[in-house]
């Protein structure tokens, strides 16, 4: 059971959801958090998807110049610690900036535009 991972993912989602001004990048991170939450129920190696998630969050936050609050940062660090258990296999040949990696083949990927 991946309950701890799901709890942290959704805690981060709910904290981000409370923000008044949501940039495209923040909305993308929130979309990916929901996708990861759905996928965790069936993940044999949850640390792999959590690793991809934390890499995605870092890159997307950097691109969007998103500054995390201390609470958001704490949750992101907790996820990073879980993701580190994936080791090198979790990051092999991955494009961490690609949101579609969190969606199933053929599933619609939400796109936020100005």
N, C-alpha and C. Protein backbone atom coordinates (compact mmCIF):
# COMPACT_ATOMS: atom_id res chain seq x y z
N UNK A 1 0.84 -1.20 0.00
CA UNK A 1 0.00 0.00 0.00
C UNK A 1 0.87 1.25 0.00
N UNK A 2 0.51 2.21 -0.78
CA UNK A 2 1.30 3.42 -0.94
C UNK A 2 0.62 4.61 -0.27
N UNK A 3 0.11 4.38 0.94
CA UNK A 3 -0.70 5.38 1.62
C UNK A 3 0.10 6.62 2.01
N UNK A 4 1.32 6.44 2.52
CA UNK A 4 2.13 7.59 2.93
C UNK A 4 2.41 8.48 1.73
N UNK A 5 2.80 7.87 0.62
CA UNK A 5 3.10 8.64 -0.59
C UNK A 5 1.87 9.41 -1.05
N UNK A 6 0.72 8.73 -1.07
CA UNK A 6 -0.53 9.37 -1.51
C UNK A 6 -0.88 10.55 -0.59
N UNK A 7 -0.67 10.36 0.69
CA UNK A 7 -0.99 11.40 1.67
C UNK A 7 -0.13 12.65 1.42
N UNK A 8 1.16 12.47 1.21
CA UNK A 8 2.06 13.61 0.98
C UNK A 8 1.72 14.29 -0.34
N UNK A 9 1.46 13.49 -1.38
CA UNK A 9 1.11 14.04 -2.70
C UNK A 9 -0.14 14.91 -2.58
N UNK A 10 -1.16 14.39 -1.90
CA UNK A 10 -2.40 15.16 -1.79
C UNK A 10 -2.27 16.34 -0.83
N UNK A 11 -1.44 16.20 0.20
CA UNK A 11 -1.19 17.36 1.08
C UNK A 11 -0.58 18.49 0.27
N UNK A 12 0.40 18.16 -0.58
CA UNK A 12 1.04 19.18 -1.41
C UNK A 12 0.03 19.78 -2.38
N UNK A 13 -0.79 18.94 -2.98
CA UNK A 13 -1.83 19.43 -3.90
C UNK A 13 -2.74 20.44 -3.19
N UNK A 14 -3.23 20.09 -2.01
CA UNK A 14 -4.17 20.95 -1.30
C UNK A 14 -3.54 22.26 -0.84
N UNK A 15 -2.26 22.22 -0.48
CA UNK A 15 -1.57 23.45 -0.10
C UNK A 15 -1.44 24.37 -1.33
N UNK A 16 -1.04 23.79 -2.46
CA UNK A 16 -0.90 24.58 -3.69
C UNK A 16 -2.25 25.13 -4.16
N UNK A 17 -3.29 24.34 -3.96
CA UNK A 17 -4.64 24.71 -4.39
C UNK A 17 -5.12 25.99 -3.69
N UNK A 18 -4.62 26.25 -2.50
CA UNK A 18 -5.04 27.42 -1.72
C UNK A 18 -4.45 28.73 -2.24
N UNK A 19 -3.46 28.63 -3.12
CA UNK A 19 -2.84 29.86 -3.65
C UNK A 19 -3.86 30.66 -4.47
N UNK A 20 -3.79 31.98 -4.35
CA UNK A 20 -4.70 32.83 -5.10
C UNK A 20 -4.33 32.90 -6.58
N UNK A 21 -3.09 33.20 -6.85
CA UNK A 21 -2.64 33.32 -8.24
C UNK A 21 -1.91 32.05 -8.66
N UNK A 22 -2.51 31.36 -9.60
CA UNK A 22 -1.93 30.09 -10.06
C UNK A 22 -1.39 30.27 -11.48
N UNK A 23 -0.08 30.16 -11.62
CA UNK A 23 0.54 30.26 -12.94
C UNK A 23 0.27 28.98 -13.72
N UNK A 24 0.56 29.01 -14.99
CA UNK A 24 0.43 27.81 -15.84
C UNK A 24 1.27 26.68 -15.26
N UNK A 25 2.49 27.00 -14.84
CA UNK A 25 3.38 25.97 -14.30
C UNK A 25 2.82 25.39 -13.00
N UNK A 26 2.23 26.22 -12.16
CA UNK A 26 1.65 25.72 -10.92
C UNK A 26 0.46 24.81 -11.22
N UNK A 27 -0.36 25.19 -12.18
CA UNK A 27 -1.50 24.35 -12.58
C UNK A 27 -1.00 23.01 -13.14
N UNK A 28 0.09 23.05 -13.90
CA UNK A 28 0.68 21.81 -14.42
C UNK A 28 1.15 20.91 -13.28
N UNK A 29 1.81 21.48 -12.30
CA UNK A 29 2.26 20.69 -11.14
C UNK A 29 1.06 20.08 -10.43
N UNK A 30 0.00 20.86 -10.26
CA UNK A 30 -1.20 20.35 -9.59
C UNK A 30 -1.83 19.20 -10.40
N UNK A 31 -1.89 19.34 -11.74
CA UNK A 31 -2.40 18.26 -12.59
C UNK A 31 -1.61 16.98 -12.38
N UNK A 32 -0.28 17.13 -12.37
CA UNK A 32 0.59 15.96 -12.24
C UNK A 32 0.44 15.32 -10.86
N UNK A 33 0.29 16.14 -9.83
CA UNK A 33 0.06 15.58 -8.48
C UNK A 33 -1.19 14.71 -8.46
N UNK A 34 -2.26 15.16 -9.12
CA UNK A 34 -3.49 14.36 -9.17
C UNK A 34 -3.27 13.06 -9.94
N UNK A 35 -2.53 13.12 -11.04
CA UNK A 35 -2.24 11.92 -11.83
C UNK A 35 -1.43 10.91 -11.02
N UNK A 36 -0.43 11.41 -10.32
CA UNK A 36 0.41 10.53 -9.51
C UNK A 36 -0.43 9.89 -8.40
N UNK A 37 -1.30 10.68 -7.79
CA UNK A 37 -2.18 10.13 -6.75
C UNK A 37 -3.00 8.96 -7.30
N UNK A 38 -3.54 9.11 -8.50
CA UNK A 38 -4.33 8.03 -9.12
C UNK A 38 -3.46 6.80 -9.41
N UNK A 39 -2.26 7.04 -9.88
CA UNK A 39 -1.38 5.94 -10.29
C UNK A 39 -0.77 5.18 -9.13
N UNK A 40 -0.63 5.82 -7.98
CA UNK A 40 0.05 5.19 -6.85
C UNK A 40 -0.64 3.91 -6.38
N UNK A 41 -1.96 3.82 -6.54
CA UNK A 41 -2.68 2.62 -6.10
C UNK A 41 -2.18 1.36 -6.81
N UNK A 42 -1.71 1.51 -8.04
CA UNK A 42 -1.31 0.36 -8.83
C UNK A 42 0.19 0.27 -9.09
N UNK A 43 0.97 1.13 -8.45
CA UNK A 43 2.41 1.14 -8.70
C UNK A 43 3.12 0.09 -7.85
N UNK A 44 3.87 -0.76 -8.53
CA UNK A 44 4.66 -1.76 -7.82
C UNK A 44 5.86 -1.10 -7.13
N UNK A 45 6.43 -0.08 -7.79
CA UNK A 45 7.58 0.64 -7.25
C UNK A 45 7.23 2.13 -7.16
N UNK A 46 6.48 2.52 -6.12
CA UNK A 46 6.02 3.91 -6.01
C UNK A 46 7.16 4.92 -6.00
N UNK A 47 8.32 4.50 -5.49
CA UNK A 47 9.44 5.45 -5.42
C UNK A 47 9.88 5.92 -6.80
N UNK A 48 9.65 5.11 -7.83
CA UNK A 48 10.04 5.52 -9.18
C UNK A 48 9.19 6.68 -9.68
N UNK A 49 7.88 6.57 -9.51
CA UNK A 49 7.02 7.66 -9.98
C UNK A 49 7.17 8.89 -9.08
N UNK A 50 7.43 8.68 -7.80
CA UNK A 50 7.66 9.80 -6.90
C UNK A 50 8.96 10.52 -7.29
N UNK A 51 9.97 9.76 -7.70
CA UNK A 51 11.22 10.34 -8.16
C UNK A 51 10.97 11.22 -9.40
N UNK A 52 10.23 10.69 -10.35
CA UNK A 52 9.90 11.47 -11.55
C UNK A 52 9.10 12.72 -11.17
N UNK A 53 8.18 12.55 -10.24
CA UNK A 53 7.35 13.66 -9.78
C UNK A 53 8.21 14.78 -9.20
N UNK A 54 9.12 14.44 -8.30
CA UNK A 54 9.92 15.48 -7.66
C UNK A 54 10.83 16.17 -8.67
N UNK A 55 11.36 15.43 -9.62
CA UNK A 55 12.18 16.04 -10.68
C UNK A 55 11.31 17.00 -11.50
N UNK A 56 10.12 16.55 -11.84
CA UNK A 56 9.18 17.38 -12.62
C UNK A 56 8.84 18.67 -11.85
N UNK A 57 8.55 18.53 -10.57
CA UNK A 57 8.20 19.70 -9.75
C UNK A 57 9.36 20.70 -9.73
N UNK A 58 10.57 20.21 -9.51
CA UNK A 58 11.74 21.09 -9.44
C UNK A 58 11.96 21.84 -10.76
N UNK A 59 11.91 21.11 -11.87
CA UNK A 59 12.14 21.73 -13.18
C UNK A 59 11.04 22.72 -13.52
N UNK A 60 9.79 22.32 -13.31
CA UNK A 60 8.64 23.17 -13.64
C UNK A 60 8.62 24.41 -12.73
N UNK A 61 8.92 24.24 -11.46
CA UNK A 61 8.96 25.38 -10.53
C UNK A 61 10.08 26.34 -10.93
N UNK A 62 11.20 25.80 -11.34
CA UNK A 62 12.33 26.63 -11.77
C UNK A 62 11.96 27.41 -13.03
N UNK A 63 11.39 26.73 -14.00
CA UNK A 63 10.98 27.36 -15.26
C UNK A 63 9.96 28.47 -15.00
N UNK A 64 9.01 28.19 -14.12
CA UNK A 64 7.95 29.15 -13.82
C UNK A 64 8.30 30.13 -12.72
N UNK A 65 9.53 30.04 -12.22
CA UNK A 65 9.98 30.91 -11.13
C UNK A 65 9.01 30.87 -9.94
N UNK A 66 8.58 29.65 -9.61
CA UNK A 66 7.67 29.44 -8.49
C UNK A 66 8.50 29.35 -7.20
N UNK A 67 8.13 30.16 -6.25
CA UNK A 67 8.76 30.12 -4.92
C UNK A 67 7.82 29.35 -3.99
N UNK A 68 8.37 28.30 -3.37
CA UNK A 68 7.56 27.50 -2.47
C UNK A 68 7.57 28.08 -1.06
N UNK A 69 6.44 27.97 -0.38
CA UNK A 69 6.37 28.33 1.03
C UNK A 69 7.13 27.26 1.81
N UNK A 70 7.38 27.50 3.07
CA UNK A 70 8.10 26.49 3.86
C UNK A 70 7.31 25.18 3.94
N UNK A 71 5.99 25.27 4.02
CA UNK A 71 5.17 24.05 4.07
C UNK A 71 5.25 23.29 2.74
N UNK A 72 5.16 23.99 1.63
CA UNK A 72 5.26 23.35 0.30
C UNK A 72 6.64 22.72 0.12
N UNK A 73 7.65 23.44 0.56
CA UNK A 73 9.03 22.93 0.45
C UNK A 73 9.22 21.68 1.30
N UNK A 74 8.65 21.68 2.50
CA UNK A 74 8.77 20.53 3.40
C UNK A 74 8.15 19.28 2.75
N UNK A 75 6.97 19.44 2.15
CA UNK A 75 6.30 18.31 1.50
C UNK A 75 7.09 17.84 0.28
N UNK A 76 7.64 18.77 -0.48
CA UNK A 76 8.44 18.42 -1.66
C UNK A 76 9.70 17.65 -1.24
N UNK A 77 10.31 18.07 -0.14
CA UNK A 77 11.50 17.37 0.37
C UNK A 77 11.12 15.96 0.83
N UNK A 78 9.98 15.82 1.48
CA UNK A 78 9.54 14.48 1.91
C UNK A 78 9.37 13.56 0.70
N UNK A 79 8.81 14.10 -0.38
CA UNK A 79 8.66 13.31 -1.60
C UNK A 79 10.03 12.98 -2.21
N UNK A 80 10.95 13.93 -2.17
CA UNK A 80 12.30 13.69 -2.70
C UNK A 80 12.99 12.55 -1.98
N UNK A 81 12.82 12.49 -0.67
CA UNK A 81 13.44 11.42 0.13
C UNK A 81 12.87 10.07 -0.30
N UNK A 82 11.57 9.99 -0.51
CA UNK A 82 10.95 8.75 -1.00
C UNK A 82 11.48 8.41 -2.39
N UNK A 83 11.53 9.43 -3.26
CA UNK A 83 11.99 9.23 -4.63
C UNK A 83 13.43 8.78 -4.74
N UNK A 84 14.26 9.18 -3.77
CA UNK A 84 15.67 8.79 -3.81
C UNK A 84 15.85 7.29 -3.70
N UNK A 85 14.87 6.58 -3.15
CA UNK A 85 14.95 5.12 -3.04
C UNK A 85 14.92 4.46 -4.41
N UNK A 86 14.49 5.20 -5.43
CA UNK A 86 14.43 4.64 -6.78
C UNK A 86 15.82 4.47 -7.36
N UNK A 87 16.79 5.19 -6.81
CA UNK A 87 18.15 5.09 -7.32
C UNK A 87 18.25 5.58 -8.75
N UNK A 88 19.23 5.12 -9.46
CA UNK A 88 19.46 5.57 -10.83
C UNK A 88 18.39 5.06 -11.79
N UNK A 89 17.80 3.91 -11.50
CA UNK A 89 16.82 3.33 -12.42
C UNK A 89 15.61 4.23 -12.62
N UNK A 90 15.28 5.02 -11.62
CA UNK A 90 14.12 5.90 -11.72
C UNK A 90 14.31 7.04 -12.68
N UNK A 91 15.56 7.38 -12.98
CA UNK A 91 15.78 8.54 -13.84
C UNK A 91 16.33 8.17 -15.21
N UNK A 92 16.42 6.91 -15.52
CA UNK A 92 16.99 6.47 -16.78
C UNK A 92 16.18 6.98 -17.97
N UNK A 93 16.83 7.73 -18.85
CA UNK A 93 16.23 8.18 -20.11
C UNK A 93 14.93 8.95 -19.93
N UNK A 94 14.79 9.69 -18.87
CA UNK A 94 13.54 10.41 -18.64
C UNK A 94 13.69 11.89 -18.99
N UNK A 95 12.64 12.43 -19.61
CA UNK A 95 12.55 13.88 -19.83
C UNK A 95 11.65 14.41 -18.72
N UNK A 96 12.28 14.92 -17.67
CA UNK A 96 11.52 15.29 -16.48
C UNK A 96 10.59 16.47 -16.69
N UNK A 97 10.79 17.23 -17.76
CA UNK A 97 9.94 18.39 -18.00
C UNK A 97 8.67 18.03 -18.78
N UNK A 98 8.54 16.77 -19.17
CA UNK A 98 7.40 16.32 -19.98
C UNK A 98 6.27 15.83 -19.07
N UNK A 99 5.21 16.61 -19.02
CA UNK A 99 4.05 16.31 -18.17
C UNK A 99 3.37 15.00 -18.58
N UNK A 100 3.44 14.64 -19.86
CA UNK A 100 2.71 13.47 -20.37
C UNK A 100 3.22 12.15 -19.77
N UNK A 101 4.42 12.14 -19.18
CA UNK A 101 4.94 10.91 -18.59
C UNK A 101 4.10 10.41 -17.42
N UNK A 102 3.23 11.26 -16.90
CA UNK A 102 2.41 10.89 -15.76
C UNK A 102 1.01 10.41 -16.17
N UNK A 103 0.76 10.41 -17.46
CA UNK A 103 -0.55 10.01 -17.98
C UNK A 103 -0.43 8.69 -18.73
N UNK A 104 -1.51 7.94 -18.73
CA UNK A 104 -1.53 6.67 -19.46
C UNK A 104 -1.57 6.94 -20.96
N UNK A 105 -1.07 5.99 -21.72
CA UNK A 105 -1.07 6.10 -23.17
C UNK A 105 -2.49 6.36 -23.66
N UNK A 106 -2.66 7.39 -24.48
CA UNK A 106 -3.97 7.72 -25.03
C UNK A 106 -4.81 8.62 -24.13
N UNK A 107 -4.35 8.86 -22.91
CA UNK A 107 -5.11 9.72 -21.98
C UNK A 107 -4.84 11.18 -22.31
N UNK A 108 -5.87 11.99 -22.26
CA UNK A 108 -5.77 13.43 -22.55
C UNK A 108 -4.93 14.12 -21.48
N UNK A 109 -3.93 14.87 -21.90
CA UNK A 109 -3.08 15.63 -21.00
C UNK A 109 -3.56 17.08 -21.00
N UNK A 110 -4.05 17.58 -19.85
CA UNK A 110 -4.53 18.96 -19.79
C UNK A 110 -3.40 19.94 -20.12
N UNK A 111 -3.74 20.95 -20.88
CA UNK A 111 -2.75 21.95 -21.27
C UNK A 111 -3.28 23.32 -20.84
N UNK A 112 -2.48 24.04 -20.08
CA UNK A 112 -2.88 25.36 -19.60
C UNK A 112 -2.17 26.43 -20.43
N UNK A 113 -2.95 27.28 -21.06
CA UNK A 113 -2.40 28.35 -21.87
C UNK A 113 -2.94 29.69 -21.39
N UNK A 114 -2.23 30.74 -21.74
CA UNK A 114 -2.71 32.09 -21.41
C UNK A 114 -3.89 32.46 -22.27
